[in-house]
Each structure stands twice: as structure tokens, then as C-alpha cells.
Amino acid sequence: MEVGRLRILGVDPGYGIVGIGIIEISGNRISHVFHGAIETSKDLPRGKRLKQIHEEFLRILEKFSPDECAMETLFFVKNVTTAIGVGEARGVILLALEEKGVPVFEYAPNEVKISLTGYGRASKRQVQENVKRFLGLSEIPRPDDAADALAIAWCHALQSRMRRVTHGKD
């Protein structure tokens, strides 16, 4: 990590789509580096989808060299089958992060919403609009999963800054 620079990888874990958002803190400035998604086909067997997520995620780690990763905690109330797939995808993502030595920080969905809007029950659209505005983007990042990943990275940037101030490192 360069002195005074922190590159944060935000991840919105999923089985069909993994949202990726990368921001960088330099001094007091937070800037957009990249956003996108890893998408897997429903036609592929489960093992091949997980392998694809792992391999593409490793390429992102190698290309962007993040210092830290922020990920949304796994939270489901409805579909157990979806939760299992997302849990497996999270597993291969966590494995890749461990392989590259990138520390992981996790945030609940309401923490992310509060950091972007000040309100834990904000709408998805409110969060996306603030991601666009705070990062100086011309439009809301697509797919939605990428916007969510940038929101998670933004949440971590604020939390990270608070830790540095609290511990006298700023």
C-alpha cells in the first residue's frame, strides 16, 4: 500500500452476478477506480459457475491490487436455495481474498444504507443516486450489483477513516 493511499474493493456477493466496485482513498479524496460484475450462466453446472467466479475474481485482484475488501454480510429472509448458492459464491470469493492476503471487512445492509443516506431503510434508488453523486459519476453504475458493491466500498471507506481518526493516524 502506498503511503496515504488505500484501495478498497467492494463486493456484492452473488451466484448469478457478483458486483464489483473499486474506490481509492488518497488523502481526503475518495475516487472511483472501477466497477463491473462477474456473471455466470444458469446453464453451467454449479461447480463450473463457482470455478468461474473464483478465477475471474482472482484476475480482478491481480489487476487492481486492492489493499482491503468490504463485503456485505449474508442476509436472507426468503429463499434458502438462493442463500446456499450465494454462500458458496462467498466461499470462493473469500478463498481468493485469502490466497492474495487481502483483509476482509463485512457490513450489514443497513450499515451500508446509513453510510450513503443517513437512513438504514433507504431505498435501493436512494443509495444508487448517492453512489453516483459521491463518486462524481455521470450515471448510476450498472448493473445494480456493481452500484451496490461501490456502496459497500464507500461504507468501508468511511468506517476506515473513522478508525484512523480514532486511533490518531490521520
C-alpha atoms as a PDB file:
ATOM      1  CA  MET A   1       0.000   0.000   0.000  1.00  0.00           C
ATOM      2  CA  GLU A   2       1.331   3.426  -0.948  1.00  0.00           C
ATOM      3  CA  VAL A   3       1.604   5.902   1.909  1.00  0.00           C
ATOM      4  CA  GLY A   4      -1.632   7.884   2.160  1.00  0.00           C
ATOM      5  CA  ARG A   5      -3.426   5.690  -0.387  1.00  0.00           C
ATOM      6  CA  LEU A   6      -5.951   2.964   0.313  1.00  0.00           C
ATOM      7  CA  ARG A   7      -7.580   0.942  -2.476  1.00  0.00           C
ATOM      8  CA  ILE A   8     -10.841  -0.691  -1.423  1.00  0.00           C
ATOM      9  CA  LEU A   9     -12.607  -3.476  -3.281  1.00  0.00           C
ATOM     10  CA  GLY A  10     -16.335  -3.616  -2.593  1.00  0.00           C
ATOM     11  CA  VAL A  11     -18.099  -6.911  -3.285  1.00  0.00           C
ATOM     12  CA  ASP A  12     -21.805  -7.599  -3.547  1.00  0.00           C
ATOM     13  CA  PRO A  13     -21.681 -11.407  -3.422  1.00  0.00           C
ATOM     14  CA  GLY A  14     -23.985 -13.419  -5.621  1.00  0.00           C
ATOM     15  CA  TYR A  15     -24.179 -16.676  -7.509  1.00  0.00           C
ATOM     16  CA  GLY A  16     -25.504 -15.402 -10.844  1.00  0.00           C
ATOM     17  CA  ILE A  17     -23.942 -11.935 -10.544  1.00  0.00           C
ATOM     18  CA  VAL A  18     -21.101 -10.776  -8.298  1.00  0.00           C
ATOM     19  CA  GLY A  19     -20.987  -6.983  -8.090  1.00  0.00           C
ATOM     20  CA  ILE A  20     -17.523  -5.429  -8.074  1.00  0.00           C
ATOM     21  CA  GLY A  21     -16.677  -1.835  -7.144  1.00  0.00           C
ATOM     22  CA  ILE A  22     -13.249  -0.366  -6.524  1.00  0.00           C
ATOM     23  CA  ILE A  23     -12.531   3.008  -4.995  1.00  0.00           C
ATOM     24  CA  GLU A  24      -9.376   4.655  -3.764  1.00  0.00           C
ATOM     25  CA  ILE A  25      -8.775   6.964  -0.837  1.00  0.00           C
ATOM     26  CA  SER A  26      -5.917   9.383  -1.282  1.00  0.00           C
ATOM     27  CA  GLY A  27      -5.669  11.974   1.466  1.00  0.00           C
ATOM     28  CA  ASN A  28      -9.202  13.266   1.961  1.00  0.00           C
ATOM     29  CA  ARG A  29     -10.323  12.339  -1.554  1.00  0.00           C
ATOM     30  CA  ILE A  30     -12.283   9.216  -2.472  1.00  0.00           C
ATOM     31  CA  SER A  31     -12.289   8.367  -6.167  1.00  0.00           C
ATOM     32  CA  HIS A  32     -13.844   5.766  -8.428  1.00  0.00           C
ATOM     33  CA  VAL A  33     -11.395   3.254  -9.932  1.00  0.00           C
ATOM     34  CA  PHE A  34     -13.584   0.546 -11.491  1.00  0.00           C
ATOM     35  CA  HIS A  35     -16.948  -1.153 -11.349  1.00  0.00           C
ATOM     36  CA  GLY A  36     -18.406  -4.194 -13.051  1.00  0.00           C
ATOM     37  CA  ALA A  37     -19.701  -7.681 -12.437  1.00  0.00           C
ATOM     38  CA  ILE A  38     -18.849 -11.329 -12.743  1.00  0.00           C
ATOM     39  CA  GLU A  39     -21.811 -13.087 -14.341  1.00  0.00           C
ATOM     40  CA  THR A  40     -22.310 -16.829 -14.545  1.00  0.00           C
ATOM     41  CA  SER A  41     -24.687 -18.681 -16.837  1.00  0.00           C
ATOM     42  CA  LYS A  42     -27.592 -20.633 -15.383  1.00  0.00           C
ATOM     43  CA  ASP A  43     -26.781 -23.282 -17.995  1.00  0.00           C
ATOM     44  CA  LEU A  44     -23.467 -24.163 -16.333  1.00  0.00           C
ATOM     45  CA  PRO A  45     -23.235 -26.765 -13.574  1.00  0.00           C
ATOM     46  CA  ARG A  46     -22.762 -25.392 -10.050  1.00  0.00           C
ATOM     47  CA  GLY A  47     -19.081 -26.369  -9.819  1.00  0.00           C
ATOM     48  CA  LYS A  48     -18.209 -24.650 -13.108  1.00  0.00           C
ATOM     49  CA  ARG A  49     -20.025 -21.474 -12.028  1.00  0.00           C
ATOM     50  CA  LEU A  50     -18.087 -21.397  -8.756  1.00  0.00           C
ATOM     51  CA  LYS A  51     -14.817 -22.035 -10.585  1.00  0.00           C
ATOM     52  CA  GLN A  52     -15.599 -19.167 -12.983  1.00  0.00           C
ATOM     53  CA  ILE A  53     -16.307 -16.801 -10.069  1.00  0.00           C
ATOM     54  CA  HIS A  54     -13.059 -17.814  -8.363  1.00  0.00           C
ATOM     55  CA  GLU A  55     -10.920 -17.426 -11.484  1.00  0.00           C
ATOM     56  CA  GLU A  56     -12.429 -14.091 -12.582  1.00  0.00           C
ATOM     57  CA  PHE A  57     -12.226 -12.751  -9.047  1.00  0.00           C
ATOM     58  CA  LEU A  58      -8.530 -13.695  -8.844  1.00  0.00           C
ATOM     59  CA  ARG A  59      -7.933 -11.783 -12.111  1.00  0.00           C
ATOM     60  CA  ILE A  60      -9.600  -8.693 -10.622  1.00  0.00           C
ATOM     61  CA  LEU A  61      -7.424  -8.972  -7.511  1.00  0.00           C
ATOM     62  CA  GLU A  62      -4.287  -9.271  -9.649  1.00  0.00           C
ATOM     63  CA  LYS A  63      -5.248  -6.375 -11.941  1.00  0.00           C
ATOM     64  CA  PHE A  64      -6.319  -3.865  -9.271  1.00  0.00           C
ATOM     65  CA  SER A  65      -4.291  -4.949  -6.194  1.00  0.00           C
ATOM     66  CA  PRO A  66      -6.773  -3.827  -3.530  1.00  0.00           C
ATOM     67  CA  ASP A  67      -5.484  -3.191  -0.017  1.00  0.00           C
ATOM     68  CA  GLU A  68      -8.755  -4.196   1.641  1.00  0.00           C
ATOM     69  CA  CYS A  69     -12.069  -5.767   0.721  1.00  0.00           C
ATOM     70  CA  ALA A  70     -15.502  -4.793   2.000  1.00  0.00           C
ATOM     71  CA  MET A  71     -18.338  -7.264   1.568  1.00  0.00           C
ATOM     72  CA  GLU A  72     -21.970  -7.287   2.532  1.00  0.00           C
ATOM     73  CA  THR A  73     -22.869  -9.847   5.175  1.00  0.00           C
ATOM     74  CA  LEU A  74     -25.040 -12.699   4.002  1.00  0.00           C
ATOM     75  CA  PHE A  75     -28.619 -11.839   4.855  1.00  0.00           C
ATOM     76  CA  PHE A  76     -31.702 -13.636   3.527  1.00  0.00           C
ATOM     77  CA  VAL A  77     -35.239 -13.964   4.737  1.00  0.00           C
ATOM     78  CA  LYS A  78     -36.924 -15.760   1.828  1.00  0.00           C
ATOM     79  CA  ASN A  79     -35.188 -18.241  -0.437  1.00  0.00           C
ATOM     80  CA  VAL A  80     -32.973 -20.905   1.146  1.00  0.00           C
ATOM     81  CA  THR A  81     -31.812 -22.208  -2.252  1.00  0.00           C
ATOM     82  CA  THR A  82     -30.594 -18.741  -3.230  1.00  0.00           C
ATOM     83  CA  ALA A  83     -28.876 -18.379   0.146  1.00  0.00           C
ATOM     84  CA  ILE A  84     -26.952 -21.615  -0.399  1.00  0.00           C
ATOM     85  CA  GLY A  85     -25.719 -20.521  -3.852  1.00  0.00           C
ATOM     86  CA  VAL A  86     -24.711 -17.094  -2.586  1.00  0.00           C
ATOM     87  CA  GLY A  87     -22.982 -18.703   0.403  1.00  0.00           C
ATOM     88  CA  GLU A  88     -20.989 -20.936  -1.904  1.00  0.00           C
ATOM     89  CA  ALA A  89     -20.047 -17.968  -4.097  1.00  0.00           C
ATOM     90  CA  ARG A  90     -18.965 -16.052  -0.991  1.00  0.00           C
ATOM     91  CA  GLY A  91     -16.817 -19.036  -0.080  1.00  0.00           C
ATOM     92  CA  VAL A  92     -14.830 -18.984  -3.318  1.00  0.00           C
ATOM     93  CA  ILE A  93     -14.532 -15.188  -3.103  1.00  0.00           C
ATOM     94  CA  LEU A  94     -13.229 -15.431   0.470  1.00  0.00           C
ATOM     95  CA  LEU A  95     -10.809 -18.147  -0.645  1.00  0.00           C
ATOM     96  CA  ALA A  96      -9.421 -15.890  -3.409  1.00  0.00           C
ATOM     97  CA  LEU A  97      -9.043 -12.996  -0.952  1.00  0.00           C
ATOM     98  CA  GLU A  98      -7.218 -15.261   1.496  1.00  0.00           C
ATOM     99  CA  GLU A  99      -4.950 -16.546  -1.285  1.00  0.00           C
ATOM    100  CA  LYS A 100      -3.956 -12.953  -2.099  1.00  0.00           C
ATOM    101  CA  GLY A 101      -3.705 -11.835   1.532  1.00  0.00           C
ATOM    102  CA  VAL A 102      -6.429  -9.175   1.263  1.00  0.00           C
ATOM    103  CA  PRO A 103      -8.174  -8.456   4.583  1.00  0.00           C
ATOM    104  CA  VAL A 104     -11.975  -8.612   4.544  1.00  0.00           C
ATOM    105  CA  PHE A 105     -14.389  -6.335   6.397  1.00  0.00           C
ATOM    106  CA  GLU A 106     -18.111  -7.111   6.479  1.00  0.00           C
ATOM    107  CA  TYR A 107     -21.087  -4.771   6.753  1.00  0.00           C
ATOM    108  CA  ALA A 108     -24.790  -5.346   7.216  1.00  0.00           C
ATOM    109  CA  PRO A 109     -27.092  -3.908   4.524  1.00  0.00           C
ATOM    110  CA  ASN A 110     -28.480  -1.259   6.894  1.00  0.00           C
ATOM    111  CA  GLU A 111     -24.919  -0.092   7.754  1.00  0.00           C
ATOM    112  CA  VAL A 112     -24.255   0.460   4.060  1.00  0.00           C
ATOM    113  CA  LYS A 113     -27.510   2.389   3.635  1.00  0.00           C
ATOM    114  CA  ILE A 114     -26.772   4.571   6.668  1.00  0.00           C
ATOM    115  CA  SER A 115     -23.301   5.429   5.361  1.00  0.00           C
ATOM    116  CA  LEU A 116     -24.728   6.554   1.997  1.00  0.00           C
ATOM    117  CA  THR A 117     -28.019   8.147   3.038  1.00  0.00           C
ATOM    118  CA  GLY A 118     -28.078   8.513   6.820  1.00  0.00           C
ATOM    119  CA  TYR A 119     -31.092   6.198   6.913  1.00  0.00           C
ATOM    120  CA  GLY A 120     -30.981   2.416   7.411  1.00  0.00           C
ATOM    121  CA  ARG A 121     -34.168   1.798   5.438  1.00  0.00           C
ATOM    122  CA  ALA A 122     -33.279   3.901   2.412  1.00  0.00           C
ATOM    123  CA  SER A 123     -34.410   2.654  -0.972  1.00  0.00           C
ATOM    124  CA  LYS A 124     -32.040   1.000  -3.413  1.00  0.00           C
ATOM    125  CA  ARG A 125     -32.536   4.009  -5.731  1.00  0.00           C
ATOM    126  CA  GLN A 126     -31.527   6.494  -2.989  1.00  0.00           C
ATOM    127  CA  VAL A 127     -28.334   4.533  -2.334  1.00  0.00           C
ATOM    128  CA  GLN A 128     -27.541   4.326  -6.055  1.00  0.00           C
ATOM    129  CA  GLU A 129     -28.126   8.056  -6.581  1.00  0.00           C
ATOM    130  CA  ASN A 130     -25.737   8.864  -3.732  1.00  0.00           C
ATOM    131  CA  VAL A 131     -23.095   6.465  -5.077  1.00  0.00           C
ATOM    132  CA  LYS A 132     -23.301   8.335  -8.380  1.00  0.00           C
ATOM    133  CA  ARG A 133     -23.143  11.749  -6.709  1.00  0.00           C
ATOM    134  CA  PHE A 134     -20.436  10.988  -4.122  1.00  0.00           C
ATOM    135  CA  LEU A 135     -18.120   9.400  -6.695  1.00  0.00           C
ATOM    136  CA  GLY A 136     -18.793  12.084  -9.330  1.00  0.00           C
ATOM    137  CA  LEU A 137     -20.124   9.618 -11.898  1.00  0.00           C
ATOM    138  CA  SER A 138     -22.247  10.709 -14.858  1.00  0.00           C
ATOM    139  CA  GLU A 139     -24.776   7.924 -14.316  1.00  0.00           C
ATOM    140  CA  ILE A 140     -25.755   5.254 -11.825  1.00  0.00           C
ATOM    141  CA  PRO A 141     -23.359   2.310 -12.195  1.00  0.00           C
ATOM    142  CA  ARG A 142     -24.782  -0.779 -13.891  1.00  0.00           C
ATOM    143  CA  PRO A 143     -25.581  -3.497 -13.191  1.00  0.00           C
ATOM    144  CA  ASP A 144     -27.257  -2.769  -9.851  1.00  0.00           C
ATOM    145  CA  ASP A 145     -24.862  -5.225  -8.215  1.00  0.00           C
ATOM    146  CA  ALA A 146     -21.903  -3.018  -9.206  1.00  0.00           C
ATOM    147  CA  ALA A 147     -23.607   0.043  -7.692  1.00  0.00           C
ATOM    148  CA  ASP A 148     -24.188  -1.986  -4.526  1.00  0.00           C
ATOM    149  CA  ALA A 149     -20.511  -3.014  -4.474  1.00  0.00           C
ATOM    150  CA  LEU A 150     -19.434   0.636  -4.758  1.00  0.00           C
ATOM    151  CA  ALA A 151     -21.811   1.491  -1.902  1.00  0.00           C
ATOM    152  CA  ILE A 152     -20.214  -1.224   0.246  1.00  0.00           C
ATOM    153  CA  ALA A 153     -16.743   0.114  -0.602  1.00  0.00           C
ATOM    154  CA  TRP A 154     -17.902   3.654   0.280  1.00  0.00           C
ATOM    155  CA  CYS A 155     -19.237   2.414   3.629  1.00  0.00           C
ATOM    156  CA  HIS A 156     -15.873   0.828   4.362  1.00  0.00           C
ATOM    157  CA  ALA A 157     -14.021   3.982   3.326  1.00  0.00           C
ATOM    158  CA  LEU A 158     -15.992   5.972   5.904  1.00  0.00           C
ATOM    159  CA  GLN A 159     -15.505   3.316   8.588  1.00  0.00           C
ATOM    160  CA  SER A 160     -11.798   3.084   7.774  1.00  0.00           C
ATOM    161  CA  ARG A 161     -11.421   6.855   8.038  1.00  0.00           C
ATOM    162  CA  MET A 162     -13.192   6.864  11.409  1.00  0.00           C
ATOM    163  CA  ARG A 163     -10.819   4.145  12.663  1.00  0.00           C
ATOM    164  CA  ARG A 164      -7.777   6.141  11.518  1.00  0.00           C
ATOM    165  CA  VAL A 165      -9.038   9.329  13.192  1.00  0.00           C
ATOM    166  CA  THR A 166      -9.998   7.476  16.385  1.00  0.00           C
ATOM    167  CA  HIS A 167      -6.577   5.821  16.552  1.00  0.00           C
ATOM    168  CA  GLY A 168      -4.690   9.042  15.753  1.00  0.00           C
ATOM    169  CA  LYS A 169      -3.398   8.025  12.339  1.00  0.00           C
ATOM    170  CA  ASP A 170      -4.900  10.944  10.430  1.00  0.00           C
END
